[in-house]
Amino acid sequence: HLAQVRLRHALTLLETTALPIAEIAARTGYYDQSALTRHLKAAHGVTPAAVRR
């Protein structure tokens, strides 16, 4: 459940801010940008950069 909340918050930040992806990863509790990328891709099939487009 916590992982879903963190991922949802990261998606919101990706869609609504211009913060760097590494900063979003840190703010949402991921170890680094690659950890966020792995989790997002596994759960939703997209990368953080693709969400931004």
C-alpha atoms as a PDB file:
ATOM      1  CA  HIS A   1       0.000   0.000   0.000  1.00  0.00           C
ATOM      2  CA  LEU A   2       2.771   2.461   0.887  1.00  0.00           C
ATOM      3  CA  ALA A   3       4.503   1.737  -2.418  1.00  0.00           C
ATOM      4  CA  GLN A   4       1.296   2.631  -4.294  1.00  0.00           C
ATOM      5  CA  VAL A   5       0.971   5.912  -2.385  1.00  0.00           C
ATOM      6  CA  ARG A   6       4.607   6.820  -3.098  1.00  0.00           C
ATOM      7  CA  LEU A   7       4.223   5.980  -6.777  1.00  0.00           C
ATOM      8  CA  ARG A   8       0.974   7.953  -7.069  1.00  0.00           C
ATOM      9  CA  HIS A   9       2.641  10.985  -5.459  1.00  0.00           C
ATOM     10  CA  ALA A  10       5.611  10.667  -7.824  1.00  0.00           C
ATOM     11  CA  LEU A  11       3.240  10.552 -10.815  1.00  0.00           C
ATOM     12  CA  THR A  12       1.467  13.680  -9.582  1.00  0.00           C
ATOM     13  CA  LEU A  13       4.765  15.533  -9.212  1.00  0.00           C
ATOM     14  CA  LEU A  14       5.910  14.392 -12.660  1.00  0.00           C
ATOM     15  CA  GLU A  15       2.680  15.638 -14.223  1.00  0.00           C
ATOM     16  CA  THR A  16       2.366  18.933 -12.343  1.00  0.00           C
ATOM     17  CA  THR A  17       5.893  20.215 -11.652  1.00  0.00           C
ATOM     18  CA  ALA A  18       9.142  20.841 -13.469  1.00  0.00           C
ATOM     19  CA  LEU A  19      11.212  19.321 -10.660  1.00  0.00           C
ATOM     20  CA  PRO A  20      14.092  17.119 -11.812  1.00  0.00           C
ATOM     21  CA  ILE A  21      13.233  13.421 -11.790  1.00  0.00           C
ATOM     22  CA  ALA A  22      16.013  12.753  -9.255  1.00  0.00           C
ATOM     23  CA  GLU A  23      14.446  15.324  -6.908  1.00  0.00           C
ATOM     24  CA  ILE A  24      11.017  13.737  -7.294  1.00  0.00           C
ATOM     25  CA  ALA A  25      12.544  10.336  -6.513  1.00  0.00           C
ATOM     26  CA  ALA A  26      14.134  11.721  -3.342  1.00  0.00           C
ATOM     27  CA  ARG A  27      10.954  13.526  -2.247  1.00  0.00           C
ATOM     28  CA  THR A  28       8.851  10.405  -2.655  1.00  0.00           C
ATOM     29  CA  GLY A  29      11.174   8.076  -0.755  1.00  0.00           C
ATOM     30  CA  TYR A  30      13.013   6.279  -3.533  1.00  0.00           C
ATOM     31  CA  TYR A  31      16.716   5.544  -3.105  1.00  0.00           C
ATOM     32  CA  ASP A  32      17.545   7.184  -6.429  1.00  0.00           C
ATOM     33  CA  GLN A  33      16.151   8.027  -9.845  1.00  0.00           C
ATOM     34  CA  SER A  34      16.733   4.531 -11.218  1.00  0.00           C
ATOM     35  CA  ALA A  35      14.704   2.985  -8.380  1.00  0.00           C
ATOM     36  CA  LEU A  36      11.772   5.261  -9.224  1.00  0.00           C
ATOM     37  CA  THR A  37      12.147   4.390 -12.912  1.00  0.00           C
ATOM     38  CA  ARG A  38      12.153   0.633 -12.187  1.00  0.00           C
ATOM     39  CA  HIS A  39       9.068   0.797  -9.965  1.00  0.00           C
ATOM     40  CA  LEU A  40       7.135   3.072 -12.316  1.00  0.00           C
ATOM     41  CA  LYS A  41       7.944   0.899 -15.326  1.00  0.00           C
ATOM     42  CA  ALA A  42       6.957  -2.286 -13.467  1.00  0.00           C
ATOM     43  CA  ALA A  43       3.663  -0.837 -12.229  1.00  0.00           C
ATOM     44  CA  HIS A  44       2.570   1.275 -15.206  1.00  0.00           C
ATOM     45  CA  GLY A  45       4.812   0.317 -18.120  1.00  0.00           C
ATOM     46  CA  VAL A  46       6.177   3.849 -18.562  1.00  0.00           C
ATOM     47  CA  THR A  47       9.291   5.775 -17.611  1.00  0.00           C
ATOM     48  CA  PRO A  48       9.265   9.087 -15.711  1.00  0.00           C
ATOM     49  CA  ALA A  49      10.354  10.905 -18.877  1.00  0.00           C
ATOM     50  CA  ALA A  50       7.422   9.408 -20.804  1.00  0.00           C
ATOM     51  CA  VAL A  51       4.997  10.626 -18.133  1.00  0.00           C
ATOM     52  CA  ARG A  52       6.347  14.144 -18.604  1.00  0.00           C
ATOM     53  CA  ARG A  53       5.681  14.128 -22.375  1.00  0.00           C
END
